[in-house]
N, C-alpha and C. Protein backbone atom coordinates (compact mmCIF):
# COMPACT_ATOMS: atom_id res chain seq x y z
N MET A 1 78.62 -106.32 51.40
CA MET A 1 79.91 -106.85 51.73
C MET A 1 79.87 -108.38 51.55
N LYS A 2 81.00 -108.93 51.11
CA LYS A 2 81.10 -110.36 50.95
C LYS A 2 82.41 -110.82 51.57
N ILE A 3 82.34 -111.88 52.39
CA ILE A 3 83.53 -112.44 53.00
C ILE A 3 83.90 -113.69 52.22
N THR A 4 85.13 -113.74 51.72
CA THR A 4 85.57 -114.91 50.96
C THR A 4 86.12 -116.00 51.84
N ARG A 5 86.83 -115.64 52.92
CA ARG A 5 87.34 -116.64 53.86
C ARG A 5 87.68 -115.94 55.18
N LEU A 6 87.68 -116.73 56.22
CA LEU A 6 88.06 -116.21 57.57
C LEU A 6 89.49 -116.66 57.88
N LEU A 7 90.20 -115.82 58.56
CA LEU A 7 91.57 -116.15 58.92
C LEU A 7 91.62 -116.60 60.36
N GLY A 8 92.59 -117.43 60.67
CA GLY A 8 92.81 -117.87 62.06
C GLY A 8 91.69 -118.71 62.60
N ASN A 9 91.53 -118.68 63.88
CA ASN A 9 90.55 -119.50 64.61
C ASN A 9 89.24 -118.73 64.76
N ARG A 10 88.63 -118.38 63.65
CA ARG A 10 87.39 -117.60 63.68
C ARG A 10 86.23 -118.39 63.03
N ILE A 11 85.02 -118.06 63.46
CA ILE A 11 83.81 -118.63 62.83
C ILE A 11 82.89 -117.47 62.53
N LEU A 12 82.12 -117.59 61.45
CA LEU A 12 81.08 -116.65 61.10
C LEU A 12 79.77 -117.24 61.59
N LEU A 13 79.07 -116.50 62.44
CA LEU A 13 77.85 -117.00 63.08
C LEU A 13 76.64 -116.17 62.66
N GLU A 14 75.60 -116.86 62.23
CA GLU A 14 74.33 -116.18 61.93
C GLU A 14 73.42 -116.41 63.13
N PRO A 15 73.21 -115.41 63.98
CA PRO A 15 72.42 -115.57 65.19
C PRO A 15 70.95 -115.90 64.87
N LEU A 16 70.33 -116.66 65.74
CA LEU A 16 68.90 -116.89 65.63
C LEU A 16 68.19 -115.60 65.97
N ALA A 17 67.02 -115.41 65.44
CA ALA A 17 66.24 -114.20 65.71
C ALA A 17 65.87 -114.12 67.19
N SER A 18 66.02 -112.97 67.75
CA SER A 18 65.65 -112.75 69.19
C SER A 18 64.15 -112.64 69.30
N GLU A 19 63.65 -113.07 70.43
CA GLU A 19 62.21 -112.97 70.70
C GLU A 19 61.84 -111.52 70.93
N THR A 20 60.80 -111.05 70.28
CA THR A 20 60.34 -109.67 70.48
C THR A 20 59.03 -109.62 71.21
N VAL A 21 58.44 -110.80 71.47
CA VAL A 21 57.20 -110.88 72.24
C VAL A 21 57.35 -112.02 73.27
N THR A 22 56.96 -111.75 74.50
CA THR A 22 57.05 -112.75 75.53
C THR A 22 55.96 -113.81 75.37
N ALA A 23 56.04 -114.89 76.11
CA ALA A 23 55.02 -115.96 76.02
C ALA A 23 53.65 -115.44 76.43
N GLY A 24 53.61 -114.40 77.25
CA GLY A 24 52.34 -113.81 77.68
C GLY A 24 51.80 -112.79 76.69
N GLY A 25 52.53 -112.51 75.61
CA GLY A 25 52.06 -111.57 74.58
C GLY A 25 52.52 -110.16 74.77
N ILE A 26 53.46 -109.89 75.69
CA ILE A 26 53.95 -108.55 75.92
C ILE A 26 55.08 -108.26 74.96
N ALA A 27 55.00 -107.14 74.25
CA ALA A 27 56.03 -106.75 73.26
C ALA A 27 57.25 -106.22 73.99
N ILE A 28 58.42 -106.66 73.59
CA ILE A 28 59.69 -106.22 74.15
C ILE A 28 60.25 -105.10 73.28
N PRO A 29 60.55 -103.91 73.85
CA PRO A 29 61.11 -102.84 73.05
C PRO A 29 62.43 -103.27 72.41
N GLU A 30 62.69 -102.75 71.20
CA GLU A 30 63.87 -103.16 70.44
C GLU A 30 65.18 -102.92 71.20
N ARG A 31 65.25 -101.85 71.96
CA ARG A 31 66.48 -101.52 72.68
C ARG A 31 66.71 -102.48 73.86
N GLN A 32 65.66 -103.20 74.29
CA GLN A 32 65.79 -104.15 75.40
C GLN A 32 66.09 -105.57 74.95
N VAL A 33 65.97 -105.83 73.65
CA VAL A 33 66.20 -107.19 73.14
C VAL A 33 67.69 -107.49 73.23
N GLN A 34 68.03 -108.61 73.86
CA GLN A 34 69.43 -108.98 74.04
C GLN A 34 69.96 -109.73 72.82
N LYS A 35 71.30 -109.70 72.68
CA LYS A 35 71.92 -110.47 71.60
C LYS A 35 71.67 -111.96 71.84
N GLN A 36 71.32 -112.65 70.79
CA GLN A 36 71.05 -114.07 70.89
C GLN A 36 72.39 -114.83 70.92
N PRO A 37 72.64 -115.63 71.96
CA PRO A 37 73.93 -116.37 72.05
C PRO A 37 73.96 -117.64 71.20
N VAL A 38 72.82 -117.98 70.57
CA VAL A 38 72.74 -119.21 69.77
C VAL A 38 72.59 -118.86 68.32
N GLY A 39 73.29 -119.62 67.45
CA GLY A 39 73.18 -119.36 66.03
C GLY A 39 73.77 -120.47 65.23
N PHE A 40 73.78 -120.30 63.90
CA PHE A 40 74.33 -121.31 63.00
C PHE A 40 75.66 -120.87 62.44
N VAL A 41 76.61 -121.79 62.38
CA VAL A 41 77.93 -121.53 61.81
C VAL A 41 77.78 -121.43 60.30
N ARG A 42 78.21 -120.32 59.70
CA ARG A 42 78.10 -120.14 58.28
C ARG A 42 79.45 -120.27 57.55
N MET A 43 80.56 -120.04 58.32
CA MET A 43 81.89 -120.16 57.70
C MET A 43 82.89 -120.45 58.84
N VAL A 44 83.89 -121.24 58.52
CA VAL A 44 84.94 -121.60 59.51
C VAL A 44 86.28 -121.11 58.99
N GLY A 45 87.09 -120.55 59.90
CA GLY A 45 88.40 -120.02 59.53
C GLY A 45 89.40 -121.09 59.16
N THR A 46 90.56 -120.66 58.73
CA THR A 46 91.60 -121.55 58.26
C THR A 46 92.43 -122.14 59.40
N GLY A 47 92.30 -121.62 60.62
CA GLY A 47 93.13 -122.08 61.72
C GLY A 47 94.49 -121.41 61.66
N ASN A 48 95.22 -121.40 62.77
CA ASN A 48 96.51 -120.76 62.75
C ASN A 48 97.64 -121.70 63.17
N GLY A 49 97.36 -122.99 63.22
CA GLY A 49 98.38 -123.94 63.55
C GLY A 49 98.56 -124.17 65.06
N ASP A 50 97.74 -123.52 65.88
CA ASP A 50 97.83 -123.70 67.33
C ASP A 50 97.33 -125.08 67.70
N ALA A 51 98.15 -125.90 68.28
CA ALA A 51 97.79 -127.29 68.56
C ALA A 51 96.63 -127.40 69.58
N THR A 52 96.54 -126.45 70.49
CA THR A 52 95.50 -126.51 71.50
C THR A 52 94.12 -126.25 70.92
N LEU A 53 94.06 -125.45 69.85
CA LEU A 53 92.77 -125.13 69.25
C LEU A 53 92.46 -125.99 68.01
N ALA A 54 93.40 -126.81 67.60
CA ALA A 54 93.21 -127.62 66.38
C ALA A 54 92.02 -128.56 66.52
N ALA A 55 91.84 -129.16 67.68
CA ALA A 55 90.72 -130.08 67.89
C ALA A 55 89.39 -129.34 67.83
N ASP A 56 89.36 -128.15 68.43
CA ASP A 56 88.13 -127.34 68.38
C ASP A 56 87.79 -126.91 66.95
N MET A 57 88.80 -126.53 66.19
CA MET A 57 88.57 -126.13 64.80
C MET A 57 88.10 -127.30 63.98
N ALA A 58 88.61 -128.51 64.26
CA ALA A 58 88.21 -129.68 63.50
C ALA A 58 86.74 -130.03 63.75
N GLU A 59 86.20 -129.70 64.92
CA GLU A 59 84.80 -129.98 65.23
C GLU A 59 83.83 -128.99 64.61
N MET A 60 84.30 -127.78 64.28
CA MET A 60 83.43 -126.74 63.73
C MET A 60 83.12 -127.07 62.26
N LYS A 61 81.81 -127.13 61.96
CA LYS A 61 81.38 -127.40 60.59
C LYS A 61 80.27 -126.45 60.24
N VAL A 62 80.19 -126.09 58.97
CA VAL A 62 79.14 -125.20 58.48
C VAL A 62 77.79 -125.84 58.71
N GLY A 63 76.84 -125.06 59.23
CA GLY A 63 75.49 -125.55 59.45
C GLY A 63 75.23 -126.01 60.87
N GLN A 64 76.27 -126.09 61.69
CA GLN A 64 76.07 -126.53 63.10
C GLN A 64 75.43 -125.41 63.91
N LYS A 65 74.61 -125.80 64.85
CA LYS A 65 74.01 -124.86 65.78
C LYS A 65 74.89 -124.81 67.00
N VAL A 66 75.36 -123.63 67.38
CA VAL A 66 76.28 -123.47 68.51
C VAL A 66 75.81 -122.37 69.43
N ARG A 67 76.35 -122.39 70.65
CA ARG A 67 76.12 -121.32 71.62
C ARG A 67 77.47 -120.68 71.90
N VAL A 68 77.50 -119.33 71.85
CA VAL A 68 78.74 -118.60 72.10
C VAL A 68 78.58 -117.75 73.32
N ASN A 69 79.69 -117.37 73.92
CA ASN A 69 79.74 -116.46 75.04
C ASN A 69 79.71 -115.06 74.48
N THR A 70 78.58 -114.38 74.56
CA THR A 70 78.44 -113.03 73.95
C THR A 70 79.17 -111.98 74.75
N ARG A 71 79.55 -112.26 75.98
CA ARG A 71 80.32 -111.25 76.74
C ARG A 71 81.72 -111.10 76.18
N MET A 72 82.18 -112.09 75.42
CA MET A 72 83.51 -112.00 74.83
C MET A 72 83.51 -111.11 73.59
N GLY A 73 82.34 -110.62 73.21
CA GLY A 73 82.26 -109.67 72.10
C GLY A 73 81.89 -110.31 70.77
N GLY A 74 82.79 -110.30 69.87
CA GLY A 74 82.47 -110.72 68.53
C GLY A 74 82.28 -109.46 67.69
N VAL A 75 82.64 -109.55 66.45
CA VAL A 75 82.52 -108.41 65.53
C VAL A 75 81.22 -108.54 64.75
N GLU A 76 80.41 -107.52 64.79
CA GLU A 76 79.14 -107.57 64.06
C GLU A 76 79.36 -107.10 62.64
N VAL A 77 78.88 -107.90 61.67
CA VAL A 77 78.93 -107.55 60.25
C VAL A 77 77.55 -107.80 59.66
N SER A 78 77.28 -107.15 58.53
CA SER A 78 76.02 -107.38 57.83
C SER A 78 76.35 -107.91 56.45
N LEU A 79 75.84 -109.08 56.11
CA LEU A 79 76.06 -109.70 54.84
C LEU A 79 74.72 -109.76 54.10
N GLU A 80 74.62 -109.01 53.01
CA GLU A 80 73.39 -108.94 52.22
C GLU A 80 72.18 -108.58 53.10
N GLY A 81 72.38 -107.67 54.04
CA GLY A 81 71.30 -107.20 54.89
C GLY A 81 70.98 -108.11 56.08
N VAL A 82 71.71 -109.22 56.21
CA VAL A 82 71.45 -110.16 57.33
C VAL A 82 72.57 -109.99 58.36
N PRO A 83 72.24 -109.73 59.63
CA PRO A 83 73.28 -109.56 60.64
C PRO A 83 74.01 -110.87 60.95
N HIS A 84 75.31 -110.80 61.03
CA HIS A 84 76.16 -111.94 61.40
C HIS A 84 77.20 -111.42 62.40
N ARG A 85 77.86 -112.35 63.08
CA ARG A 85 78.95 -111.98 63.99
C ARG A 85 80.13 -112.91 63.74
N ILE A 86 81.32 -112.35 63.85
CA ILE A 86 82.57 -113.13 63.75
C ILE A 86 83.08 -113.34 65.18
N HIS A 87 83.24 -114.59 65.56
CA HIS A 87 83.71 -114.95 66.90
C HIS A 87 84.97 -115.81 66.79
N SER A 88 85.74 -115.82 67.85
CA SER A 88 86.83 -116.78 67.98
C SER A 88 86.22 -118.13 68.33
N VAL A 89 86.88 -119.20 67.91
CA VAL A 89 86.40 -120.53 68.24
C VAL A 89 86.46 -120.73 69.75
N MET A 90 87.24 -119.96 70.48
CA MET A 90 87.31 -120.06 71.93
C MET A 90 86.04 -119.52 72.59
N ASP A 91 85.24 -118.72 71.87
CA ASP A 91 83.99 -118.20 72.40
C ASP A 91 82.88 -119.24 72.39
N VAL A 92 83.06 -120.34 71.64
CA VAL A 92 82.00 -121.35 71.51
C VAL A 92 81.94 -122.13 72.81
N GLU A 93 80.73 -122.16 73.40
CA GLU A 93 80.51 -122.89 74.65
C GLU A 93 80.04 -124.32 74.42
N CYS A 94 79.19 -124.54 73.40
CA CYS A 94 78.70 -125.86 73.10
C CYS A 94 78.20 -125.98 71.69
N ILE A 95 78.10 -127.21 71.20
CA ILE A 95 77.55 -127.51 69.88
C ILE A 95 76.31 -128.34 70.12
N PHE A 96 75.19 -127.95 69.51
CA PHE A 96 73.94 -128.65 69.69
C PHE A 96 73.85 -129.81 68.68
N GLU A 97 73.21 -130.89 69.15
CA GLU A 97 72.93 -132.01 68.23
C GLU A 97 71.80 -131.60 67.33
N PRO A 98 71.80 -132.06 66.04
CA PRO A 98 70.68 -131.71 65.18
C PRO A 98 69.40 -132.37 65.69
N GLU A 99 68.30 -131.64 65.56
CA GLU A 99 67.00 -132.14 65.97
C GLU A 99 66.40 -132.92 64.80
N VAL A 100 66.19 -134.21 65.00
CA VAL A 100 65.64 -135.04 63.93
C VAL A 100 64.34 -135.67 64.43
N ILE A 101 63.29 -135.50 63.67
CA ILE A 101 61.99 -136.11 64.01
C ILE A 101 61.83 -137.30 63.09
N VAL A 102 61.58 -138.46 63.66
CA VAL A 102 61.48 -139.68 62.87
C VAL A 102 60.31 -139.58 61.91
N GLY A 103 60.57 -139.98 60.68
CA GLY A 103 59.55 -139.98 59.65
C GLY A 103 59.48 -138.69 58.84
N VAL A 104 60.34 -137.73 59.12
CA VAL A 104 60.34 -136.43 58.44
C VAL A 104 61.71 -136.20 57.81
N ASP A 105 61.72 -135.71 56.58
CA ASP A 105 62.99 -135.37 55.92
C ASP A 105 63.45 -134.00 56.39
N HIS A 106 64.74 -133.88 56.74
CA HIS A 106 65.27 -132.63 57.28
C HIS A 106 66.40 -132.13 56.40
N ALA A 107 66.36 -130.85 56.03
CA ALA A 107 67.45 -130.23 55.32
C ALA A 107 68.45 -129.74 56.35
N ILE A 108 69.73 -129.95 56.12
CA ILE A 108 70.76 -129.48 57.03
C ILE A 108 71.05 -128.04 56.71
N PRO A 109 70.89 -127.10 57.63
CA PRO A 109 71.10 -125.67 57.37
C PRO A 109 72.51 -125.40 56.85
N GLY A 110 72.59 -124.57 55.83
CA GLY A 110 73.89 -124.16 55.29
C GLY A 110 74.47 -125.16 54.29
N THR A 111 73.76 -126.25 54.00
CA THR A 111 74.25 -127.24 53.05
C THR A 111 73.10 -127.60 52.11
N ASP A 112 73.40 -128.41 51.10
CA ASP A 112 72.37 -128.90 50.22
C ASP A 112 72.03 -130.35 50.53
N LYS A 113 72.40 -130.79 51.73
CA LYS A 113 72.17 -132.18 52.14
C LYS A 113 70.83 -132.33 52.89
N THR A 114 70.26 -133.52 52.78
CA THR A 114 69.01 -133.81 53.48
C THR A 114 69.20 -135.06 54.30
N VAL A 115 68.68 -135.06 55.52
CA VAL A 115 68.74 -136.23 56.38
C VAL A 115 67.39 -136.93 56.30
N TYR A 116 67.40 -138.21 56.01
CA TYR A 116 66.18 -138.99 55.95
C TYR A 116 66.07 -139.80 57.21
N ALA A 117 65.06 -139.49 58.04
CA ALA A 117 64.93 -140.16 59.33
C ALA A 117 63.88 -141.29 59.22
């Protein structure tokens, strides 16, 4: 399946991989692994003209790391074998700042840009 664009106030999120082993080395059964609420934005919708959500849509950019409220659902899709979820921009709880280590070149996820620290 391939998504060409998202409609309305939606984002396509690629969740981070869930931990399958605890810090103590205990394996977590697959059925017990919870959905990861943190992931990278891979696509941003077109917006629907709602003035209250326009500012939130303007802040959403491809490659940003965000946390979403997983209790609100989201539609699970698989793109080229990789699990993704489609969420409303209203499900986003926060946007994380990029982690930059001084003296190391960083590629920005989802783009071809590099940050030189």
